[in-house]
N, C-alpha and C. Protein backbone atom coordinates (compact mmCIF):
# COMPACT_ATOMS: atom_id res chain seq x y z
N MET A 1 -112.85 -8.06 6.61
CA MET A 1 -113.85 -9.03 7.01
C MET A 1 -113.33 -10.43 6.64
N THR A 2 -113.38 -11.32 7.60
CA THR A 2 -112.89 -12.68 7.41
C THR A 2 -114.01 -13.56 6.86
N SER A 3 -113.69 -14.30 5.81
CA SER A 3 -114.67 -15.22 5.24
C SER A 3 -114.68 -16.52 6.04
N ARG A 4 -115.71 -17.29 5.86
CA ARG A 4 -115.79 -18.60 6.53
C ARG A 4 -114.65 -19.50 6.06
N ARG A 5 -114.28 -19.39 4.79
CA ARG A 5 -113.16 -20.18 4.26
C ARG A 5 -111.88 -19.81 5.00
N ASP A 6 -111.65 -18.53 5.24
CA ASP A 6 -110.48 -18.09 5.98
C ASP A 6 -110.50 -18.61 7.42
N GLU A 7 -111.69 -18.66 8.02
CA GLU A 7 -111.82 -19.18 9.37
C GLU A 7 -111.46 -20.67 9.41
N VAL A 8 -111.92 -21.41 8.41
CA VAL A 8 -111.61 -22.84 8.32
C VAL A 8 -110.10 -23.02 8.14
N LEU A 9 -109.52 -22.21 7.30
CA LEU A 9 -108.09 -22.29 7.05
C LEU A 9 -107.29 -21.96 8.31
N ALA A 10 -107.69 -20.92 9.01
CA ALA A 10 -107.01 -20.56 10.27
C ALA A 10 -107.13 -21.69 11.29
N ALA A 11 -108.31 -22.30 11.37
CA ALA A 11 -108.50 -23.43 12.29
C ALA A 11 -107.63 -24.62 11.89
N ALA A 12 -107.48 -24.83 10.60
CA ALA A 12 -106.63 -25.93 10.11
C ALA A 12 -105.17 -25.70 10.51
N LEU A 13 -104.71 -24.46 10.39
CA LEU A 13 -103.33 -24.15 10.79
C LEU A 13 -103.15 -24.28 12.30
N ASP A 14 -104.16 -23.88 13.06
CA ASP A 14 -104.10 -24.07 14.51
C ASP A 14 -104.08 -25.56 14.86
N LEU A 15 -104.88 -26.34 14.15
CA LEU A 15 -104.91 -27.78 14.39
C LEU A 15 -103.57 -28.41 14.03
N LEU A 16 -102.95 -27.94 12.98
CA LEU A 16 -101.61 -28.41 12.62
C LEU A 16 -100.66 -28.21 13.80
N ASP A 17 -100.73 -27.06 14.42
CA ASP A 17 -99.88 -26.78 15.59
C ASP A 17 -100.20 -27.71 16.75
N GLU A 18 -101.46 -28.05 16.91
CA GLU A 18 -101.88 -28.90 18.02
C GLU A 18 -101.50 -30.36 17.83
N VAL A 19 -101.74 -30.90 16.64
CA VAL A 19 -101.62 -32.35 16.46
C VAL A 19 -100.52 -32.78 15.49
N GLY A 20 -99.99 -31.87 14.70
CA GLY A 20 -98.98 -32.22 13.72
C GLY A 20 -99.59 -32.68 12.40
N LEU A 21 -98.75 -32.75 11.39
CA LEU A 21 -99.21 -33.07 10.04
C LEU A 21 -99.78 -34.48 9.93
N ASP A 22 -99.15 -35.44 10.56
CA ASP A 22 -99.61 -36.82 10.44
C ASP A 22 -101.01 -37.05 11.03
N ALA A 23 -101.33 -36.32 12.09
CA ALA A 23 -102.63 -36.50 12.75
C ALA A 23 -103.69 -35.52 12.27
N LEU A 24 -103.33 -34.62 11.38
CA LEU A 24 -104.29 -33.64 10.87
C LEU A 24 -105.27 -34.34 9.93
N THR A 25 -106.53 -34.34 10.29
CA THR A 25 -107.56 -34.94 9.45
C THR A 25 -108.71 -33.96 9.30
N THR A 26 -109.49 -34.15 8.25
CA THR A 26 -110.66 -33.28 8.07
C THR A 26 -111.69 -33.57 9.16
N ARG A 27 -111.72 -34.80 9.63
CA ARG A 27 -112.65 -35.13 10.72
C ARG A 27 -112.30 -34.34 11.98
N LYS A 28 -111.02 -34.30 12.33
CA LYS A 28 -110.59 -33.53 13.51
C LYS A 28 -110.83 -32.04 13.30
N LEU A 29 -110.62 -31.57 12.10
CA LEU A 29 -110.87 -30.17 11.81
C LEU A 29 -112.36 -29.85 11.97
N ALA A 30 -113.20 -30.71 11.46
CA ALA A 30 -114.65 -30.50 11.60
C ALA A 30 -115.05 -30.48 13.08
N GLU A 31 -114.48 -31.40 13.86
CA GLU A 31 -114.77 -31.42 15.30
C GLU A 31 -114.35 -30.10 15.95
N LYS A 32 -113.15 -29.62 15.58
CA LYS A 32 -112.65 -28.36 16.14
C LYS A 32 -113.59 -27.20 15.81
N LEU A 33 -114.16 -27.24 14.62
CA LEU A 33 -115.06 -26.17 14.18
C LEU A 33 -116.50 -26.38 14.62
N GLY A 34 -116.80 -27.58 15.14
CA GLY A 34 -118.16 -27.87 15.57
C GLY A 34 -119.12 -28.06 14.41
N VAL A 35 -118.61 -28.63 13.31
CA VAL A 35 -119.45 -28.88 12.13
C VAL A 35 -119.30 -30.34 11.70
N GLN A 36 -120.17 -30.75 10.81
CA GLN A 36 -120.05 -32.08 10.22
C GLN A 36 -118.90 -32.07 9.20
N PRO A 37 -118.17 -33.18 9.07
CA PRO A 37 -117.04 -33.21 8.12
C PRO A 37 -117.42 -32.79 6.70
N GLY A 38 -118.60 -33.14 6.26
CA GLY A 38 -119.03 -32.78 4.91
C GLY A 38 -119.13 -31.28 4.69
N ALA A 39 -119.34 -30.53 5.77
CA ALA A 39 -119.46 -29.07 5.65
C ALA A 39 -118.16 -28.43 5.17
N LEU A 40 -117.05 -29.09 5.42
CA LEU A 40 -115.75 -28.54 5.00
C LEU A 40 -115.60 -28.55 3.49
N TYR A 41 -116.31 -29.48 2.83
CA TYR A 41 -116.18 -29.60 1.37
C TYR A 41 -116.76 -28.40 0.63
N ARG A 42 -117.52 -27.58 1.33
CA ARG A 42 -118.00 -26.34 0.74
C ARG A 42 -116.84 -25.38 0.48
N HIS A 43 -115.81 -25.51 1.31
CA HIS A 43 -114.67 -24.59 1.24
C HIS A 43 -113.44 -25.22 0.59
N PHE A 44 -113.26 -26.53 0.81
CA PHE A 44 -112.11 -27.27 0.26
C PHE A 44 -112.61 -28.62 -0.20
N ASP A 45 -112.44 -28.92 -1.48
CA ASP A 45 -113.03 -30.14 -2.03
C ASP A 45 -112.32 -31.42 -1.64
N SER A 46 -111.17 -31.31 -0.98
CA SER A 46 -110.43 -32.49 -0.53
C SER A 46 -109.43 -32.06 0.53
N LYS A 47 -108.89 -33.05 1.22
CA LYS A 47 -107.84 -32.74 2.19
C LYS A 47 -106.64 -32.14 1.45
N ARG A 48 -106.37 -32.65 0.26
CA ARG A 48 -105.25 -32.15 -0.53
C ARG A 48 -105.42 -30.66 -0.84
N SER A 49 -106.63 -30.25 -1.19
CA SER A 49 -106.85 -28.83 -1.48
C SER A 49 -106.74 -27.99 -0.21
N LEU A 50 -107.12 -28.55 0.93
CA LEU A 50 -106.94 -27.86 2.20
C LEU A 50 -105.44 -27.68 2.49
N LEU A 51 -104.66 -28.74 2.31
CA LEU A 51 -103.22 -28.66 2.54
C LEU A 51 -102.58 -27.64 1.59
N HIS A 52 -103.05 -27.63 0.35
CA HIS A 52 -102.55 -26.67 -0.63
C HIS A 52 -102.83 -25.24 -0.17
N ALA A 53 -104.03 -25.01 0.35
CA ALA A 53 -104.39 -23.67 0.85
C ALA A 53 -103.55 -23.32 2.07
N MET A 54 -103.24 -24.31 2.90
CA MET A 54 -102.39 -24.06 4.06
C MET A 54 -100.98 -23.64 3.61
N VAL A 55 -100.46 -24.29 2.58
CA VAL A 55 -99.16 -23.91 2.03
C VAL A 55 -99.23 -22.49 1.47
N ALA A 56 -100.30 -22.19 0.76
CA ALA A 56 -100.46 -20.85 0.20
C ALA A 56 -100.49 -19.80 1.30
N ARG A 57 -101.17 -20.09 2.39
CA ARG A 57 -101.22 -19.14 3.52
C ARG A 57 -99.83 -18.97 4.12
N LEU A 58 -99.10 -20.06 4.31
CA LEU A 58 -97.73 -19.94 4.83
C LEU A 58 -96.87 -19.11 3.89
N THR A 59 -97.03 -19.33 2.61
CA THR A 59 -96.27 -18.59 1.60
C THR A 59 -96.61 -17.12 1.66
N LEU A 60 -97.89 -16.81 1.78
CA LEU A 60 -98.32 -15.42 1.90
C LEU A 60 -97.76 -14.81 3.17
N ASP A 61 -97.78 -15.57 4.27
CA ASP A 61 -97.23 -15.07 5.53
C ASP A 61 -95.74 -14.79 5.37
N ALA A 62 -95.04 -15.64 4.62
CA ALA A 62 -93.61 -15.42 4.39
C ALA A 62 -93.39 -14.13 3.62
N ASP A 63 -94.23 -13.90 2.63
CA ASP A 63 -94.08 -12.71 1.79
C ASP A 63 -94.34 -11.44 2.58
N THR A 64 -95.30 -11.50 3.50
CA THR A 64 -95.64 -10.30 4.25
C THR A 64 -94.87 -10.18 5.56
N GLY A 65 -94.24 -11.27 6.01
CA GLY A 65 -93.58 -11.26 7.30
C GLY A 65 -92.10 -10.95 7.27
N ILE A 66 -91.53 -10.80 6.10
CA ILE A 66 -90.10 -10.54 6.01
C ILE A 66 -89.87 -9.04 6.08
N GLU A 67 -88.95 -8.66 6.94
CA GLU A 67 -88.65 -7.24 7.10
C GLU A 67 -87.57 -6.81 6.13
N GLY A 68 -87.60 -5.56 5.77
CA GLY A 68 -86.56 -4.99 4.93
C GLY A 68 -86.87 -5.09 3.45
N ASP A 69 -86.03 -4.43 2.69
CA ASP A 69 -86.18 -4.42 1.24
C ASP A 69 -85.51 -5.65 0.64
N VAL A 70 -86.08 -6.14 -0.44
CA VAL A 70 -85.49 -7.28 -1.13
C VAL A 70 -84.24 -6.79 -1.85
N PRO A 71 -83.09 -7.46 -1.63
CA PRO A 71 -81.87 -7.06 -2.34
C PRO A 71 -82.06 -7.19 -3.85
N GLU A 72 -81.28 -6.44 -4.60
CA GLU A 72 -81.38 -6.45 -6.06
C GLU A 72 -80.51 -7.53 -6.70
N ASP A 73 -79.38 -7.89 -6.07
CA ASP A 73 -78.49 -8.89 -6.66
C ASP A 73 -79.05 -10.30 -6.41
N TRP A 74 -78.74 -11.22 -7.32
CA TRP A 74 -79.31 -12.56 -7.24
C TRP A 74 -78.95 -13.28 -5.94
N ALA A 75 -77.71 -13.16 -5.49
CA ALA A 75 -77.28 -13.86 -4.27
C ALA A 75 -78.01 -13.29 -3.05
N GLY A 76 -78.13 -11.98 -3.00
CA GLY A 76 -78.85 -11.35 -1.90
C GLY A 76 -80.33 -11.72 -1.90
N MET A 77 -80.93 -11.74 -3.09
CA MET A 77 -82.34 -12.13 -3.20
C MET A 77 -82.54 -13.56 -2.73
N LEU A 78 -81.66 -14.46 -3.17
CA LEU A 78 -81.78 -15.88 -2.82
C LEU A 78 -81.61 -16.07 -1.31
N ARG A 79 -80.65 -15.39 -0.75
CA ARG A 79 -80.39 -15.48 0.69
C ARG A 79 -81.60 -14.94 1.47
N TYR A 80 -82.09 -13.80 1.06
CA TYR A 80 -83.23 -13.16 1.70
C TYR A 80 -84.45 -14.09 1.68
N ALA A 81 -84.72 -14.66 0.52
CA ALA A 81 -85.87 -15.55 0.37
C ALA A 81 -85.71 -16.81 1.20
N ALA A 82 -84.51 -17.38 1.23
CA ALA A 82 -84.27 -18.61 1.99
C ALA A 82 -84.42 -18.38 3.48
N ILE A 83 -83.86 -17.30 3.97
CA ILE A 83 -83.97 -17.00 5.41
C ILE A 83 -85.42 -16.74 5.78
N GLY A 84 -86.14 -16.01 4.94
CA GLY A 84 -87.56 -15.75 5.21
C GLY A 84 -88.40 -17.00 5.16
N ALA A 85 -88.13 -17.88 4.20
CA ALA A 85 -88.90 -19.12 4.08
C ALA A 85 -88.69 -20.01 5.30
N ARG A 86 -87.45 -20.12 5.74
CA ARG A 86 -87.17 -20.93 6.93
C ARG A 86 -87.88 -20.36 8.15
N ALA A 87 -87.78 -19.06 8.34
CA ALA A 87 -88.43 -18.43 9.49
C ALA A 87 -89.92 -18.69 9.47
N THR A 88 -90.52 -18.65 8.30
CA THR A 88 -91.96 -18.86 8.19
C THR A 88 -92.35 -20.30 8.51
N VAL A 89 -91.66 -21.27 7.92
CA VAL A 89 -92.07 -22.66 8.17
C VAL A 89 -91.84 -23.06 9.62
N LEU A 90 -90.89 -22.41 10.28
CA LEU A 90 -90.65 -22.72 11.69
C LEU A 90 -91.71 -22.14 12.61
N THR A 91 -92.60 -21.29 12.07
CA THR A 91 -93.66 -20.74 12.91
C THR A 91 -94.78 -21.75 13.14
N ARG A 92 -94.78 -22.83 12.37
CA ARG A 92 -95.84 -23.84 12.48
C ARG A 92 -95.25 -25.21 12.72
N ARG A 93 -95.89 -25.97 13.59
CA ARG A 93 -95.49 -27.35 13.80
C ARG A 93 -95.57 -28.08 12.46
N ASP A 94 -94.53 -28.77 12.09
CA ASP A 94 -94.45 -29.51 10.82
C ASP A 94 -94.62 -28.59 9.61
N GLY A 95 -94.37 -27.29 9.79
CA GLY A 95 -94.51 -26.35 8.68
C GLY A 95 -93.59 -26.68 7.52
N ALA A 96 -92.38 -27.12 7.81
CA ALA A 96 -91.44 -27.47 6.74
C ALA A 96 -91.91 -28.72 6.00
N ARG A 97 -92.40 -29.70 6.72
CA ARG A 97 -92.92 -30.91 6.06
C ARG A 97 -94.12 -30.56 5.19
N LEU A 98 -94.98 -29.70 5.69
CA LEU A 98 -96.13 -29.27 4.91
C LEU A 98 -95.66 -28.58 3.63
N MET A 99 -94.73 -27.66 3.75
CA MET A 99 -94.23 -26.92 2.59
C MET A 99 -93.52 -27.84 1.60
N ALA A 100 -92.81 -28.82 2.10
CA ALA A 100 -92.03 -29.71 1.23
C ALA A 100 -92.90 -30.65 0.40
N THR A 101 -94.19 -30.72 0.69
CA THR A 101 -95.06 -31.61 -0.08
C THR A 101 -95.41 -31.03 -1.45
N TYR A 102 -95.03 -29.79 -1.70
CA TYR A 102 -95.37 -29.14 -2.97
C TYR A 102 -94.12 -28.88 -3.78
N LEU A 103 -94.20 -29.15 -5.07
CA LEU A 103 -93.05 -29.00 -5.95
C LEU A 103 -92.89 -27.58 -6.49
N VAL A 104 -93.98 -26.84 -6.52
CA VAL A 104 -93.94 -25.46 -7.00
C VAL A 104 -94.60 -24.58 -5.95
N PRO A 105 -94.27 -23.30 -5.94
CA PRO A 105 -94.91 -22.40 -4.99
C PRO A 105 -96.43 -22.46 -5.12
N ALA A 106 -97.09 -22.31 -3.99
CA ALA A 106 -98.52 -22.56 -3.92
C ALA A 106 -99.41 -21.44 -4.45
N ASP A 107 -98.98 -20.22 -4.39
CA ASP A 107 -99.87 -19.15 -4.83
C ASP A 107 -99.17 -18.25 -5.84
N GLU A 108 -99.93 -17.38 -6.44
CA GLU A 108 -99.41 -16.52 -7.51
C GLU A 108 -98.30 -15.59 -7.02
N THR A 109 -98.44 -15.05 -5.81
CA THR A 109 -97.40 -14.16 -5.28
C THR A 109 -96.09 -14.91 -5.15
N ALA A 110 -96.14 -16.13 -4.60
CA ALA A 110 -94.92 -16.93 -4.44
C ALA A 110 -94.36 -17.32 -5.80
N GLN A 111 -95.21 -17.64 -6.74
CA GLN A 111 -94.74 -18.01 -8.08
C GLN A 111 -94.04 -16.82 -8.73
N MET A 112 -94.57 -15.63 -8.52
CA MET A 112 -93.94 -14.43 -9.09
C MET A 112 -92.55 -14.23 -8.47
N PHE A 113 -92.44 -14.43 -7.16
CA PHE A 113 -91.15 -14.27 -6.50
C PHE A 113 -90.18 -15.35 -6.98
N TRP A 114 -90.68 -16.57 -7.15
CA TRP A 114 -89.87 -17.67 -7.67
C TRP A 114 -89.32 -17.31 -9.06
N ARG A 115 -90.21 -16.83 -9.91
CA ARG A 115 -89.78 -16.42 -11.26
C ARG A 115 -88.80 -15.26 -11.21
N ARG A 116 -89.01 -14.36 -10.25
CA ARG A 116 -88.09 -13.23 -10.10
C ARG A 116 -86.70 -13.73 -9.69
N LEU A 117 -86.63 -14.72 -8.80
CA LEU A 117 -85.34 -15.29 -8.41
C LEU A 117 -84.65 -15.94 -9.60
N VAL A 118 -85.40 -16.74 -10.34
CA VAL A 118 -84.84 -17.41 -11.52
C VAL A 118 -84.40 -16.35 -12.54
N GLY A 119 -85.21 -15.32 -12.72
CA GLY A 119 -84.87 -14.24 -13.64
C GLY A 119 -83.60 -13.50 -13.24
N ALA A 120 -83.43 -13.28 -11.93
CA ALA A 120 -82.23 -12.58 -11.45
C ALA A 120 -80.98 -13.40 -11.74
N LEU A 121 -81.07 -14.71 -11.55
CA LEU A 121 -79.92 -15.56 -11.86
C LEU A 121 -79.67 -15.59 -13.36
N SER A 122 -80.73 -15.66 -14.14
CA SER A 122 -80.58 -15.66 -15.60
C SER A 122 -79.95 -14.36 -16.08
N ALA A 123 -80.38 -13.25 -15.52
CA ALA A 123 -79.82 -11.95 -15.89
C ALA A 123 -78.35 -11.84 -15.51
N ALA A 124 -77.94 -12.61 -14.50
CA ALA A 124 -76.54 -12.58 -14.06
C ALA A 124 -75.67 -13.53 -14.88
N GLY A 125 -76.26 -14.17 -15.88
CA GLY A 125 -75.46 -15.01 -16.76
C GLY A 125 -75.66 -16.50 -16.64
N PHE A 126 -76.56 -16.93 -15.77
CA PHE A 126 -76.85 -18.36 -15.63
C PHE A 126 -77.83 -18.79 -16.71
N ALA A 127 -77.65 -19.99 -17.22
CA ALA A 127 -78.66 -20.56 -18.11
C ALA A 127 -79.93 -20.74 -17.30
N GLU A 128 -81.09 -20.61 -17.94
CA GLU A 128 -82.34 -20.74 -17.19
C GLU A 128 -82.44 -22.08 -16.47
N SER A 129 -82.00 -23.15 -17.12
CA SER A 129 -82.05 -24.47 -16.47
C SER A 129 -81.17 -24.49 -15.22
N ASP A 130 -80.02 -23.85 -15.27
CA ASP A 130 -79.13 -23.79 -14.10
C ASP A 130 -79.74 -22.90 -13.01
N ALA A 131 -80.39 -21.82 -13.43
CA ALA A 131 -81.05 -20.94 -12.46
C ALA A 131 -82.17 -21.68 -11.73
N LEU A 132 -82.94 -22.47 -12.46
CA LEU A 132 -84.00 -23.26 -11.84
C LEU A 132 -83.43 -24.25 -10.83
N VAL A 133 -82.35 -24.92 -11.20
CA VAL A 133 -81.70 -25.87 -10.29
C VAL A 133 -81.18 -25.15 -9.05
N ALA A 134 -80.59 -23.98 -9.23
CA ALA A 134 -80.04 -23.22 -8.11
C ALA A 134 -81.14 -22.82 -7.12
N VAL A 135 -82.25 -22.31 -7.63
CA VAL A 135 -83.35 -21.90 -6.76
C VAL A 135 -83.98 -23.12 -6.09
N ASP A 136 -84.20 -24.17 -6.86
CA ASP A 136 -84.79 -25.39 -6.30
C ASP A 136 -83.89 -26.00 -5.23
N THR A 137 -82.60 -26.04 -5.49
CA THR A 137 -81.66 -26.60 -4.52
C THR A 137 -81.65 -25.78 -3.23
N THR A 138 -81.69 -24.48 -3.38
CA THR A 138 -81.70 -23.61 -2.20
C THR A 138 -82.93 -23.89 -1.33
N PHE A 139 -84.09 -24.02 -1.96
CA PHE A 139 -85.29 -24.24 -1.17
C PHE A 139 -85.40 -25.67 -0.66
N ALA A 140 -84.79 -26.62 -1.35
CA ALA A 140 -84.70 -27.98 -0.82
C ALA A 140 -83.85 -27.97 0.46
N TYR A 141 -82.78 -27.19 0.44
CA TYR A 141 -81.94 -27.04 1.64
C TYR A 141 -82.75 -26.40 2.77
N VAL A 142 -83.49 -25.34 2.46
CA VAL A 142 -84.31 -24.68 3.48
C VAL A 142 -85.25 -25.69 4.13
N ASN A 143 -86.00 -26.42 3.29
CA ASN A 143 -86.97 -27.37 3.84
C ASN A 143 -86.29 -28.49 4.60
N GLY A 144 -85.20 -29.03 4.05
CA GLY A 144 -84.51 -30.12 4.72
C GLY A 144 -83.96 -29.70 6.07
N PHE A 145 -83.36 -28.53 6.13
CA PHE A 145 -82.80 -28.03 7.38
C PHE A 145 -83.92 -27.82 8.40
N ALA A 146 -85.01 -27.20 7.96
CA ALA A 146 -86.13 -26.93 8.87
C ALA A 146 -86.83 -28.21 9.31
N ILE A 147 -86.96 -29.19 8.41
CA ILE A 147 -87.56 -30.47 8.79
C ILE A 147 -86.71 -31.12 9.88
N GLU A 148 -85.41 -31.10 9.69
CA GLU A 148 -84.53 -31.68 10.70
C GLU A 148 -84.66 -30.94 12.02
N GLU A 149 -84.70 -29.62 11.97
CA GLU A 149 -84.88 -28.84 13.20
C GLU A 149 -86.16 -29.23 13.92
N GLN A 150 -87.25 -29.30 13.15
CA GLN A 150 -88.54 -29.58 13.77
C GLN A 150 -88.64 -31.02 14.26
N SER A 151 -87.98 -31.94 13.60
CA SER A 151 -88.07 -33.33 14.02
C SER A 151 -87.18 -33.63 15.22
N ARG A 152 -86.16 -32.82 15.44
CA ARG A 152 -85.27 -33.04 16.58
C ARG A 152 -85.96 -32.83 17.91
N ASP A 153 -86.75 -31.78 18.00
CA ASP A 153 -87.32 -31.49 19.30
C ASP A 153 -88.82 -31.25 19.29
N GLY A 154 -89.40 -31.02 18.14
CA GLY A 154 -90.85 -30.86 18.04
C GLY A 154 -91.40 -29.62 18.72
N HIS A 155 -90.56 -28.77 19.22
CA HIS A 155 -91.03 -27.53 19.85
C HIS A 155 -90.04 -26.42 19.56
N PRO A 156 -90.41 -25.19 19.80
CA PRO A 156 -89.51 -24.08 19.50
C PRO A 156 -88.19 -24.22 20.27
N ALA A 157 -87.11 -23.88 19.64
CA ALA A 157 -85.80 -23.95 20.26
C ALA A 157 -85.64 -22.85 21.30
N GLU A 158 -84.84 -23.14 22.31
CA GLU A 158 -84.48 -22.11 23.29
C GLU A 158 -83.69 -21.02 22.56
N PRO A 159 -83.69 -19.79 23.06
CA PRO A 159 -82.99 -18.70 22.37
C PRO A 159 -81.53 -19.01 22.02
N GLY A 160 -80.76 -19.60 22.92
CA GLY A 160 -79.37 -19.93 22.65
C GLY A 160 -79.25 -20.98 21.56
N GLN A 161 -80.12 -21.99 21.60
CA GLN A 161 -80.13 -23.02 20.56
C GLN A 161 -80.52 -22.41 19.22
N ARG A 162 -81.47 -21.53 19.25
CA ARG A 162 -81.95 -20.90 18.02
C ARG A 162 -80.83 -20.12 17.33
N ALA A 163 -80.05 -19.40 18.13
CA ALA A 163 -78.94 -18.63 17.56
C ALA A 163 -77.92 -19.56 16.92
N LEU A 164 -77.63 -20.69 17.54
CA LEU A 164 -76.69 -21.65 16.96
C LEU A 164 -77.25 -22.25 15.68
N ARG A 165 -78.54 -22.57 15.69
CA ARG A 165 -79.17 -23.11 14.48
C ARG A 165 -79.18 -22.08 13.35
N ASP A 166 -79.46 -20.82 13.70
CA ASP A 166 -79.45 -19.76 12.69
C ASP A 166 -78.07 -19.65 12.05
N LYS A 167 -77.03 -19.69 12.89
CA LYS A 167 -75.66 -19.61 12.36
C LYS A 167 -75.35 -20.79 11.46
N ALA A 168 -75.74 -21.99 11.89
CA ALA A 168 -75.48 -23.19 11.09
C ALA A 168 -76.24 -23.12 9.77
N PHE A 169 -77.50 -22.70 9.83
CA PHE A 169 -78.30 -22.58 8.62
C PHE A 169 -77.65 -21.59 7.65
N GLU A 170 -77.29 -20.43 8.15
CA GLU A 170 -76.72 -19.40 7.27
C GLU A 170 -75.36 -19.81 6.73
N ALA A 171 -74.58 -20.56 7.50
CA ALA A 171 -73.29 -21.06 6.99
C ALA A 171 -73.52 -22.03 5.83
N GLY A 172 -74.49 -22.91 5.98
CA GLY A 172 -74.82 -23.84 4.89
C GLY A 172 -75.36 -23.11 3.68
N LEU A 173 -76.18 -22.10 3.91
CA LEU A 173 -76.73 -21.30 2.82
C LEU A 173 -75.60 -20.58 2.08
N ASP A 174 -74.64 -20.05 2.82
CA ASP A 174 -73.50 -19.39 2.19
C ASP A 174 -72.71 -20.38 1.32
N LEU A 175 -72.58 -21.62 1.78
CA LEU A 175 -71.89 -22.64 0.98
C LEU A 175 -72.64 -22.91 -0.32
N ILE A 176 -73.95 -22.99 -0.23
CA ILE A 176 -74.75 -23.22 -1.43
C ILE A 176 -74.60 -22.06 -2.41
N ILE A 177 -74.70 -20.85 -1.90
CA ILE A 177 -74.56 -19.68 -2.77
C ILE A 177 -73.15 -19.62 -3.36
N ALA A 178 -72.13 -19.97 -2.58
CA ALA A 178 -70.76 -20.01 -3.13
C ALA A 178 -70.66 -21.07 -4.23
N GLY A 179 -71.32 -22.20 -4.04
CA GLY A 179 -71.32 -23.24 -5.07
C GLY A 179 -72.04 -22.79 -6.33
N ILE A 180 -73.13 -22.08 -6.16
CA ILE A 180 -73.87 -21.57 -7.31
C ILE A 180 -72.99 -20.56 -8.05
N THR A 181 -72.33 -19.68 -7.30
CA THR A 181 -71.44 -18.69 -7.90
C THR A 181 -70.33 -19.38 -8.68
N ALA A 182 -69.73 -20.39 -8.08
CA ALA A 182 -68.62 -21.11 -8.72
C ALA A 182 -69.07 -21.85 -9.97
N SER A 183 -70.32 -22.30 -9.98
CA SER A 183 -70.81 -23.06 -11.15
C SER A 183 -70.96 -22.19 -12.38
N ARG A 184 -71.04 -20.88 -12.19
CA ARG A 184 -71.22 -19.96 -13.31
C ARG A 184 -69.91 -19.78 -14.08
N SER A 185 -68.77 -19.95 -13.41
CA SER A 185 -67.50 -19.70 -14.10
C SER A 185 -67.08 -20.77 -15.06
């Protein structure tokens, strides 16, 4: 059963796709839902809390939308998470910009996965501070790459373009992982 809060959140994500992050307002969302703007405050006390919930939903979608088992080694886990995060933010107009507005994962599930990534690097011999930098750098790359993709054309890439972008993204990701590996020695 879908709650009214979930309906508002789904409408907000649809509105993001329609108008983009810069034009997303609570007033436009209220119009889309056919309610007064003040009615939204029952579910989200500010636009910031709405945006936070949108990030949490994207994060949850990333967690549930990735196929396959999570690799056990730190490099495989990091690669898996980065590819999944990029795929998720590309499902929404300005999804990468929305995600990049937050410094830490938005929900408990994402925070647990973040800690698991840091823990895997720590277990492999990285200092915790270096593990944090490695994970943060990887996700900064994910967001930066996806922001650039989305700002170039503002719409989904053609299949041939998408394959080239995927290859370029994964090549850059491999360079980052190689750099992280080299930093441990």
